[in-house]
Amino acid sequence: MEKPVTSLIDIVFPGDTNHHGTLFGGTGLALMDRVAFIAATRFGRAPFVTASCERIDFRQPARIGHIVEFTARPVKAGRRSLKVEVEMVAETIVGRQRHICTRGIFHMVATPEGANAASYALPALVPAEIPETTDTVAMVDIVFPDQANSVGRMFGGEAIAYMTKAAFVAATRYSGKLVVLASSERIDFARAIEIGEIVEAEARVERVGNSSMSIETKLWSENLLTGERHITATGHFTMVAVDMDHRPVPVRDSSPIEVAHRNHGRA
């Protein structure tokens, strides 16, 4: 069963923003189109092109340092056309305050190839169940040629960077604080990732110390047309919660009851 919602998560860096420090509208649209393409391909398992988009309303901006999450969901299917609803949400790193930046509809058209192209038709769209809430961060993207070596396989450094980004988002969401990478304990590569494949990083907090968090991250590769998935890499990253001066701070703030209890013990 295909996933009902596809999520692409990124972080707004200075190179993605205008002179006001907000994400360029064109950059946001490009990422919305990318996640719509991934969602459509996962649904139809055929090559897709974007036919049009509509009702793209920018409500609030995403700023430098925000986490931005793009979610795509197929909402209407014809014989070869698919309507995909995409939402962009910005999230502050500290405090995890979220707001909707924009929503839009993307019309995608399947362009099947090969002997069965003439008879190809999209599957029926079945109402999706609401996914269960989990503590795992799952984020997808596509491998492009500039991320690959001379034989068309994703650079190991690019894969590690993507896994680290997923670990950063998982640790940030867990702690509600700014976090930095302290170490990567172990990274095991099991399979190469080809240009054009979907990569999906899954990250979860597995252990928590005073100011540190150990994040388990798995990287999957997925064939666009067949849906075949493989674990390609696993890694464990240690992230540390820090304040604005980059000094370590507790992952979890003490509750008023805990503070009162400690103060009573000192009396």
C-alpha atoms as a PDB file:
ATOM      1  CA  MET A   1       0.000   0.000   0.000  1.00  0.00           C
ATOM      2  CA  GLU A   2       1.345   3.418  -0.958  1.00  0.00           C
ATOM      3  CA  LYS A   3       1.761   6.011   1.729  1.00  0.00           C
ATOM      4  CA  PRO A   4      -1.259   8.387   1.791  1.00  0.00           C
ATOM      5  CA  VAL A   5       0.907  11.432   2.477  1.00  0.00           C
ATOM      6  CA  THR A   6       4.388  12.164   1.159  1.00  0.00           C
ATOM      7  CA  SER A   7       6.531  14.637   3.108  1.00  0.00           C
ATOM      8  CA  LEU A   8       9.576  16.581   1.960  1.00  0.00           C
ATOM      9  CA  ILE A   9      11.349  18.421   4.792  1.00  0.00           C
ATOM     10  CA  ASP A  10      14.037  21.048   4.402  1.00  0.00           C
ATOM     11  CA  ILE A  11      15.625  23.951   6.279  1.00  0.00           C
ATOM     12  CA  VAL A  12      15.639  27.550   5.043  1.00  0.00           C
ATOM     13  CA  PHE A  13      19.208  28.723   4.520  1.00  0.00           C
ATOM     14  CA  PRO A  14      20.337  32.260   3.585  1.00  0.00           C
ATOM     15  CA  GLY A  15      20.919  31.293  -0.065  1.00  0.00           C
ATOM     16  CA  ASP A  16      17.212  30.419  -0.390  1.00  0.00           C
ATOM     17  CA  THR A  17      15.925  33.802   0.793  1.00  0.00           C
ATOM     18  CA  ASN A  18      15.398  37.345  -0.433  1.00  0.00           C
ATOM     19  CA  HIS A  19      16.746  40.528   1.174  1.00  0.00           C
ATOM     20  CA  HIS A  20      13.957  40.343   3.769  1.00  0.00           C
ATOM     21  CA  GLY A  21      15.241  36.973   4.992  1.00  0.00           C
ATOM     22  CA  THR A  22      12.171  35.070   3.769  1.00  0.00           C
ATOM     23  CA  LEU A  23      12.062  32.054   1.462  1.00  0.00           C
ATOM     24  CA  PHE A  24      11.820  32.919  -2.234  1.00  0.00           C
ATOM     25  CA  GLY A  25       8.351  32.132  -3.580  1.00  0.00           C
ATOM     26  CA  GLY A  26       9.889  30.393  -6.572  1.00  0.00           C
ATOM     27  CA  THR A  27      11.963  28.125  -4.324  1.00  0.00           C
ATOM     28  CA  GLY A  28       8.864  27.210  -2.342  1.00  0.00           C
ATOM     29  CA  LEU A  29       6.933  26.471  -5.541  1.00  0.00           C
ATOM     30  CA  ALA A  30       9.765  24.313  -6.869  1.00  0.00           C
ATOM     31  CA  LEU A  31       9.751  22.201  -3.706  1.00  0.00           C
ATOM     32  CA  MET A  32       5.952  21.947  -3.802  1.00  0.00           C
ATOM     33  CA  ASP A  33       6.150  20.714  -7.402  1.00  0.00           C
ATOM     34  CA  ARG A  34       8.877  18.209  -6.464  1.00  0.00           C
ATOM     35  CA  VAL A  35       6.863  16.633  -3.662  1.00  0.00           C
ATOM     36  CA  ALA A  36       3.760  16.588  -5.892  1.00  0.00           C
ATOM     37  CA  PHE A  37       5.790  14.675  -8.490  1.00  0.00           C
ATOM     38  CA  ILE A  38       7.001  12.152  -5.906  1.00  0.00           C
ATOM     39  CA  ALA A  39       3.470  11.640  -4.544  1.00  0.00           C
ATOM     40  CA  ALA A  40       2.056  11.206  -8.068  1.00  0.00           C
ATOM     41  CA  THR A  41       4.762   8.740  -9.066  1.00  0.00           C
ATOM     42  CA  ARG A  42       4.238   6.711  -5.910  1.00  0.00           C
ATOM     43  CA  PHE A  43       0.526   6.583  -6.707  1.00  0.00           C
ATOM     44  CA  GLY A  44       0.665   5.806 -10.419  1.00  0.00           C
ATOM     45  CA  ARG A  45       4.110   4.155 -10.812  1.00  0.00           C
ATOM     46  CA  ALA A  46       4.676   5.865 -14.154  1.00  0.00           C
ATOM     47  CA  PRO A  47       6.586   8.936 -15.337  1.00  0.00           C
ATOM     48  CA  PHE A  48       4.647  12.150 -14.625  1.00  0.00           C
ATOM     49  CA  VAL A  49       4.807  15.735 -15.811  1.00  0.00           C
ATOM     50  CA  THR A  50       3.242  18.824 -14.256  1.00  0.00           C
ATOM     51  CA  ALA A  51       0.360  20.092 -16.376  1.00  0.00           C
ATOM     52  CA  SER A  52      -0.679  23.076 -14.242  1.00  0.00           C
ATOM     53  CA  CYS A  53      -1.056  24.382 -10.719  1.00  0.00           C
ATOM     54  CA  GLU A  54      -3.820  26.470  -9.189  1.00  0.00           C
ATOM     55  CA  ARG A  55      -4.882  28.301  -6.040  1.00  0.00           C
ATOM     56  CA  ILE A  56      -1.327  28.911  -4.814  1.00  0.00           C
ATOM     57  CA  ASP A  57      -1.974  31.360  -1.991  1.00  0.00           C
ATOM     58  CA  PHE A  58       0.969  32.587   0.067  1.00  0.00           C
ATOM     59  CA  ARG A  59      -0.349  33.322   3.550  1.00  0.00           C
ATOM     60  CA  GLN A  60       2.753  33.684   5.688  1.00  0.00           C
ATOM     61  CA  PRO A  61       6.471  33.543   4.879  1.00  0.00           C
ATOM     62  CA  ALA A  62       9.079  31.003   5.938  1.00  0.00           C
ATOM     63  CA  ARG A  63      12.187  32.655   7.356  1.00  0.00           C
ATOM     64  CA  ILE A  64      15.883  31.819   7.617  1.00  0.00           C
ATOM     65  CA  GLY A  65      16.347  28.963  10.074  1.00  0.00           C
ATOM     66  CA  HIS A  66      12.789  27.659   9.821  1.00  0.00           C
ATOM     67  CA  ILE A  67      12.142  24.001   9.150  1.00  0.00           C
ATOM     68  CA  VAL A  68       9.786  23.764   6.169  1.00  0.00           C
ATOM     69  CA  GLU A  69       7.635  20.707   5.578  1.00  0.00           C
ATOM     70  CA  PHE A  70       5.889  20.069   2.268  1.00  0.00           C
ATOM     71  CA  THR A  71       3.165  17.409   2.331  1.00  0.00           C
ATOM     72  CA  ALA A  72       1.462  16.060  -0.788  1.00  0.00           C
ATOM     73  CA  ARG A  73      -1.697  13.977  -1.037  1.00  0.00           C
ATOM     74  CA  PRO A  74      -3.447  12.704  -4.203  1.00  0.00           C
ATOM     75  CA  VAL A  75      -7.075  13.845  -4.033  1.00  0.00           C
ATOM     76  CA  LYS A  76      -8.592  13.049  -7.449  1.00  0.00           C
ATOM     77  CA  ALA A  77      -7.626  10.580 -10.175  1.00  0.00           C
ATOM     78  CA  GLY A  78      -8.727  10.368 -13.797  1.00  0.00           C
ATOM     79  CA  ARG A  79      -7.499   7.935 -16.436  1.00  0.00           C
ATOM     80  CA  ARG A  80      -4.056   9.562 -16.647  1.00  0.00           C
ATOM     81  CA  SER A  81      -4.450  12.840 -14.779  1.00  0.00           C
ATOM     82  CA  LEU A  82      -4.012  13.204 -11.047  1.00  0.00           C
ATOM     83  CA  LYS A  83      -4.823  16.118  -8.777  1.00  0.00           C
ATOM     84  CA  VAL A  84      -2.368  16.455  -5.891  1.00  0.00           C
ATOM     85  CA  GLU A  85      -2.929  18.775  -2.941  1.00  0.00           C
ATOM     86  CA  VAL A  86       0.262  20.232  -1.465  1.00  0.00           C
ATOM     87  CA  GLU A  87       0.687  22.151   1.784  1.00  0.00           C
ATOM     88  CA  MET A  88       3.761  24.006   2.993  1.00  0.00           C
ATOM     89  CA  VAL A  89       4.224  24.550   6.732  1.00  0.00           C
ATOM     90  CA  ALA A  90       7.034  26.483   8.436  1.00  0.00           C
ATOM     91  CA  GLU A  91       8.230  25.529  11.900  1.00  0.00           C
ATOM     92  CA  THR A  92      10.504  27.385  14.296  1.00  0.00           C
ATOM     93  CA  ILE A  93      13.435  25.410  15.651  1.00  0.00           C
ATOM     94  CA  VAL A  94      13.082  26.777  19.185  1.00  0.00           C
ATOM     95  CA  GLY A  95       9.630  26.177  20.605  1.00  0.00           C
ATOM     96  CA  ARG A  96       8.328  24.342  17.523  1.00  0.00           C
ATOM     97  CA  GLN A  97       5.762  26.953  16.548  1.00  0.00           C
ATOM     98  CA  ARG A  98       4.123  26.020  13.238  1.00  0.00           C
ATOM     99  CA  HIS A  99       2.181  28.021  10.686  1.00  0.00           C
ATOM    100  CA  ILE A 100       0.810  27.294   7.221  1.00  0.00           C
ATOM    101  CA  CYS A 101       2.671  29.206   4.528  1.00  0.00           C
ATOM    102  CA  THR A 102       0.752  28.113   1.451  1.00  0.00           C
ATOM    103  CA  ARG A 103      -1.455  25.463  -0.098  1.00  0.00           C
ATOM    104  CA  GLY A 104      -1.927  24.608  -3.742  1.00  0.00           C
ATOM    105  CA  ILE A 105      -3.257  22.093  -6.238  1.00  0.00           C
ATOM    106  CA  PHE A 106      -0.944  20.500  -8.801  1.00  0.00           C
ATOM    107  CA  HIS A 107      -2.339  18.718 -11.856  1.00  0.00           C
ATOM    108  CA  MET A 108      -0.011  15.890 -12.827  1.00  0.00           C
ATOM    109  CA  VAL A 109      -0.281  13.793 -16.006  1.00  0.00           C
ATOM    110  CA  ALA A 110       1.111  10.280 -16.396  1.00  0.00           C
ATOM    111  CA  THR A 111       3.281   9.685 -19.479  1.00  0.00           C
ATOM    112  CA  PRO A 112       3.755   5.906 -19.516  1.00  0.00           C
ATOM    113  CA  GLU A 113       6.269   4.308 -21.850  1.00  0.00           C
ATOM    114  CA  GLY A 114       6.782   0.863 -23.298  1.00  0.00           C
ATOM    115  CA  ALA A 115       4.552  -1.843 -24.692  1.00  0.00           C
ATOM    116  CA  ASN A 116       1.709  -1.283 -22.222  1.00  0.00           C
ATOM    117  CA  ALA A 117       1.619   2.505 -22.558  1.00  0.00           C
ATOM    118  CA  ALA A 118      -1.580   2.558 -24.657  1.00  0.00           C
ATOM    119  CA  SER A 119      -3.581   0.583 -22.090  1.00  0.00           C
ATOM    120  CA  TYR A 120      -2.173   2.318 -19.015  1.00  0.00           C
ATOM    121  CA  ALA A 121      -4.633   3.881 -16.573  1.00  0.00           C
ATOM    122  CA  LEU A 122      -4.199   5.205 -13.057  1.00  0.00           C
ATOM    123  CA  PRO A 123      -5.495   3.018 -10.214  1.00  0.00           C
ATOM    124  CA  ALA A 124      -8.641   3.987  -8.365  1.00  0.00           C
ATOM    125  CA  LEU A 125      -8.148   6.526  -5.606  1.00  0.00           C
ATOM    126  CA  VAL A 126      -9.141   4.915  -2.311  1.00  0.00           C
ATOM    127  CA  PRO A 127      -9.836   7.259   0.619  1.00  0.00           C
ATOM    128  CA  ALA A 128      -6.759   7.099   2.803  1.00  0.00           C
ATOM    129  CA  GLU A 129      -6.865   6.444   6.493  1.00  0.00           C
ATOM    130  CA  ILE A 130      -5.466   9.161   8.707  1.00  0.00           C
ATOM    131  CA  PRO A 131      -1.893   8.060   9.506  1.00  0.00           C
ATOM    132  CA  GLU A 132      -1.027   7.372  13.124  1.00  0.00           C
ATOM    133  CA  THR A 133       1.075   9.967  14.888  1.00  0.00           C
ATOM    134  CA  THR A 134       4.629   8.747  15.459  1.00  0.00           C
ATOM    135  CA  ASP A 135       7.860  10.180  16.810  1.00  0.00           C
ATOM    136  CA  THR A 136       9.712   9.168  13.643  1.00  0.00           C
ATOM    137  CA  VAL A 137      10.672  11.841  11.124  1.00  0.00           C
ATOM    138  CA  ALA A 138      10.248  10.618   7.535  1.00  0.00           C
ATOM    139  CA  MET A 139      11.395  12.825   4.653  1.00  0.00           C
ATOM    140  CA  VAL A 140      11.727  12.100   0.935  1.00  0.00           C
ATOM    141  CA  ASP A 141      13.620  13.494  -2.020  1.00  0.00           C
ATOM    142  CA  ILE A 142      14.939  12.449  -5.429  1.00  0.00           C
ATOM    143  CA  VAL A 143      18.556  11.834  -6.404  1.00  0.00           C
ATOM    144  CA  PHE A 144      19.655  14.246  -9.149  1.00  0.00           C
ATOM    145  CA  PRO A 145      22.765  13.984 -11.379  1.00  0.00           C
ATOM    146  CA  ASP A 146      24.687  16.671  -9.469  1.00  0.00           C
ATOM    147  CA  GLN A 147      24.480  14.459  -6.357  1.00  0.00           C
ATOM    148  CA  ALA A 148      25.985  11.424  -8.091  1.00  0.00           C
ATOM    149  CA  ASN A 149      29.394  10.207  -9.183  1.00  0.00           C
ATOM    150  CA  SER A 150      30.582   9.311 -12.685  1.00  0.00           C
ATOM    151  CA  VAL A 151      28.756   5.960 -12.676  1.00  0.00           C
ATOM    152  CA  GLY A 152      25.415   7.486 -11.686  1.00  0.00           C
ATOM    153  CA  ARG A 153      25.351   6.610  -8.007  1.00  0.00           C
ATOM    154  CA  MET A 154      24.685   8.978  -5.125  1.00  0.00           C
ATOM    155  CA  PHE A 155      27.808  10.257  -3.373  1.00  0.00           C
ATOM    156  CA  GLY A 156      28.219   8.805   0.113  1.00  0.00           C
ATOM    157  CA  GLY A 157      28.705  12.315   1.465  1.00  0.00           C
ATOM    158  CA  GLU A 158      25.344  13.406   0.023  1.00  0.00           C
ATOM    159  CA  ALA A 159      23.651  10.426   1.676  1.00  0.00           C
ATOM    160  CA  ILE A 160      25.295  11.197   5.027  1.00  0.00           C
ATOM    161  CA  ALA A 161      24.273  14.866   4.762  1.00  0.00           C
ATOM    162  CA  TYR A 162      20.642  13.861   4.128  1.00  0.00           C
ATOM    163  CA  MET A 163      20.651  11.440   7.068  1.00  0.00           C
ATOM    164  CA  THR A 164      22.182  14.136   9.286  1.00  0.00           C
ATOM    165  CA  LYS A 165      19.446  16.574   8.281  1.00  0.00           C
ATOM    166  CA  ALA A 166      16.795  14.021   9.277  1.00  0.00           C
ATOM    167  CA  ALA A 167      18.562  13.457  12.604  1.00  0.00           C
ATOM    168  CA  PHE A 168      18.665  17.232  13.175  1.00  0.00           C
ATOM    169  CA  VAL A 169      14.916  17.570  12.549  1.00  0.00           C
ATOM    170  CA  ALA A 170      14.099  14.610  14.824  1.00  0.00           C
ATOM    171  CA  ALA A 171      16.255  15.975  17.664  1.00  0.00           C
ATOM    172  CA  THR A 172      14.908  19.510  17.244  1.00  0.00           C
ATOM    173  CA  ARG A 173      11.303  18.373  17.322  1.00  0.00           C
ATOM    174  CA  TYR A 174      11.925  16.185  20.355  1.00  0.00           C
ATOM    175  CA  SER A 175      13.673  18.858  22.399  1.00  0.00           C
ATOM    176  CA  GLY A 176      12.167  22.079  21.068  1.00  0.00           C
ATOM    177  CA  LYS A 177      15.679  23.548  21.164  1.00  0.00           C
ATOM    178  CA  LEU A 178      18.537  24.361  18.858  1.00  0.00           C
ATOM    179  CA  VAL A 179      20.736  21.290  18.414  1.00  0.00           C
ATOM    180  CA  VAL A 180      24.167  20.625  16.953  1.00  0.00           C
ATOM    181  CA  LEU A 181      25.829  17.467  15.717  1.00  0.00           C
ATOM    182  CA  ALA A 182      28.337  16.118  18.256  1.00  0.00           C
ATOM    183  CA  SER A 183      29.317  12.858  16.548  1.00  0.00           C
ATOM    184  CA  SER A 184      28.275  10.094  14.189  1.00  0.00           C
ATOM    185  CA  GLU A 185      28.908   6.781  15.885  1.00  0.00           C
ATOM    186  CA  ARG A 186      28.563   4.432  12.937  1.00  0.00           C
ATOM    187  CA  ILE A 187      27.277   4.527   9.367  1.00  0.00           C
ATOM    188  CA  ASP A 188      26.824   1.329   7.372  1.00  0.00           C
ATOM    189  CA  PHE A 189      26.136   1.385   3.621  1.00  0.00           C
ATOM    190  CA  ALA A 190      24.353  -1.667   2.254  1.00  0.00           C
ATOM    191  CA  ARG A 191      23.456  -0.635  -1.298  1.00  0.00           C
ATOM    192  CA  ALA A 192      24.162   2.061  -3.869  1.00  0.00           C
ATOM    193  CA  ILE A 193      21.470   4.628  -4.747  1.00  0.00           C
ATOM    194  CA  GLU A 194      20.924   5.378  -8.437  1.00  0.00           C
ATOM    195  CA  ILE A 195      20.095   8.709 -10.086  1.00  0.00           C
ATOM    196  CA  GLY A 196      16.320   9.151 -10.250  1.00  0.00           C
ATOM    197  CA  GLU A 197      15.527   6.997  -7.254  1.00  0.00           C
ATOM    198  CA  ILE A 198      13.522   8.290  -4.311  1.00  0.00           C
ATOM    199  CA  VAL A 199      15.456   8.498  -1.064  1.00  0.00           C
ATOM    200  CA  GLU A 200      13.574   8.439   2.218  1.00  0.00           C
ATOM    201  CA  ALA A 201      15.294   9.120   5.532  1.00  0.00           C
ATOM    202  CA  GLU A 202      13.644   7.928   8.742  1.00  0.00           C
ATOM    203  CA  ALA A 203      15.017   9.236  12.039  1.00  0.00           C
ATOM    204  CA  ARG A 204      13.958   8.637  15.624  1.00  0.00           C
ATOM    205  CA  VAL A 205      15.328   9.486  19.057  1.00  0.00           C
ATOM    206  CA  GLU A 206      16.500   6.249  20.647  1.00  0.00           C
ATOM    207  CA  ARG A 207      18.325   7.495  23.789  1.00  0.00           C
ATOM    208  CA  VAL A 208      18.293  10.743  25.755  1.00  0.00           C
ATOM    209  CA  GLY A 209      20.907  12.043  28.165  1.00  0.00           C
ATOM    210  CA  ASN A 210      21.051  15.337  30.007  1.00  0.00           C
ATOM    211  CA  SER A 211      21.888  17.477  26.979  1.00  0.00           C
ATOM    212  CA  SER A 212      22.496  14.827  24.318  1.00  0.00           C
ATOM    213  CA  MET A 213      20.252  12.659  22.148  1.00  0.00           C
ATOM    214  CA  SER A 214      21.167   9.567  20.165  1.00  0.00           C
ATOM    215  CA  ILE A 215      19.304   9.440  16.856  1.00  0.00           C
ATOM    216  CA  GLU A 216      18.875   6.268  14.817  1.00  0.00           C
ATOM    217  CA  THR A 217      18.568   7.068  11.110  1.00  0.00           C
ATOM    218  CA  LYS A 218      17.692   4.746   8.250  1.00  0.00           C
ATOM    219  CA  LEU A 219      17.996   5.658   4.589  1.00  0.00           C
ATOM    220  CA  TRP A 220      15.750   3.877   2.101  1.00  0.00           C
ATOM    221  CA  SER A 221      15.984   3.915  -1.672  1.00  0.00           C
ATOM    222  CA  GLU A 222      12.873   3.402  -3.767  1.00  0.00           C
ATOM    223  CA  ASN A 223      12.490   2.719  -7.479  1.00  0.00           C
ATOM    224  CA  LEU A 224      10.160   5.331  -8.961  1.00  0.00           C
ATOM    225  CA  LEU A 225       8.339   2.971 -11.321  1.00  0.00           C
ATOM    226  CA  THR A 226       8.237  -0.327  -9.431  1.00  0.00           C
ATOM    227  CA  GLY A 227       8.068   0.862  -5.824  1.00  0.00           C
ATOM    228  CA  GLU A 228      10.776  -1.623  -4.828  1.00  0.00           C
ATOM    229  CA  ARG A 229      12.434  -0.403  -1.626  1.00  0.00           C
ATOM    230  CA  HIS A 230      15.747  -1.225   0.006  1.00  0.00           C
ATOM    231  CA  ILE A 231      17.540  -0.157   3.150  1.00  0.00           C
ATOM    232  CA  THR A 232      20.651   1.497   1.781  1.00  0.00           C
ATOM    233  CA  ALA A 233      22.267   2.926   4.914  1.00  0.00           C
ATOM    234  CA  THR A 234      21.856   3.081   8.674  1.00  0.00           C
ATOM    235  CA  GLY A 235      23.503   5.494  11.041  1.00  0.00           C
ATOM    236  CA  HIS A 236      23.554   6.700  14.642  1.00  0.00           C
ATOM    237  CA  PHE A 237      24.102  10.382  15.347  1.00  0.00           C
ATOM    238  CA  THR A 238      24.600  12.173  18.654  1.00  0.00           C
ATOM    239  CA  MET A 239      22.941  15.595  18.777  1.00  0.00           C
ATOM    240  CA  VAL A 240      23.393  18.070  21.633  1.00  0.00           C
ATOM    241  CA  ALA A 241      20.888  20.731  22.720  1.00  0.00           C
ATOM    242  CA  VAL A 242      22.495  24.177  22.992  1.00  0.00           C
ATOM    243  CA  ASP A 243      21.520  27.735  23.848  1.00  0.00           C
ATOM    244  CA  MET A 244      22.048  30.803  21.642  1.00  0.00           C
ATOM    245  CA  ASP A 245      25.692  30.936  22.764  1.00  0.00           C
ATOM    246  CA  HIS A 246      26.125  27.286  21.732  1.00  0.00           C
ATOM    247  CA  ARG A 247      26.543  26.071  25.303  1.00  0.00           C
ATOM    248  CA  PRO A 248      24.955  22.690  26.169  1.00  0.00           C
ATOM    249  CA  VAL A 249      21.574  22.868  27.897  1.00  0.00           C
ATOM    250  CA  PRO A 250      19.238  20.148  29.235  1.00  0.00           C
ATOM    251  CA  VAL A 251      17.176  18.423  26.554  1.00  0.00           C
ATOM    252  CA  ARG A 252      14.066  18.761  28.674  1.00  0.00           C
ATOM    253  CA  ASP A 253      13.312  21.780  30.845  1.00  0.00           C
ATOM    254  CA  SER A 254      12.447  21.044  34.456  1.00  0.00           C
ATOM    255  CA  SER A 255       8.785  21.298  35.367  1.00  0.00           C
ATOM    256  CA  PRO A 256       7.678  23.762  38.087  1.00  0.00           C
ATOM    257  CA  ILE A 257       7.102  20.784  40.422  1.00  0.00           C
ATOM    258  CA  GLU A 258      10.661  19.501  39.885  1.00  0.00           C
ATOM    259  CA  VAL A 259      12.129  22.967  40.445  1.00  0.00           C
ATOM    260  CA  ALA A 260      10.115  23.407  43.662  1.00  0.00           C
ATOM    261  CA  HIS A 261      11.216  19.970  44.848  1.00  0.00           C
ATOM    262  CA  ARG A 262      14.889  20.794  44.280  1.00  0.00           C
ATOM    263  CA  ASN A 263      14.572  24.180  45.985  1.00  0.00           C
ATOM    264  CA  HIS A 264      12.831  22.540  48.973  1.00  0.00           C
ATOM    265  CA  GLY A 265      15.724  20.100  49.269  1.00  0.00           C
ATOM    266  CA  ARG A 266      18.184  22.978  49.523  1.00  0.00           C
ATOM    267  CA  ALA A 267      16.226  24.715  52.335  1.00  0.00           C
END
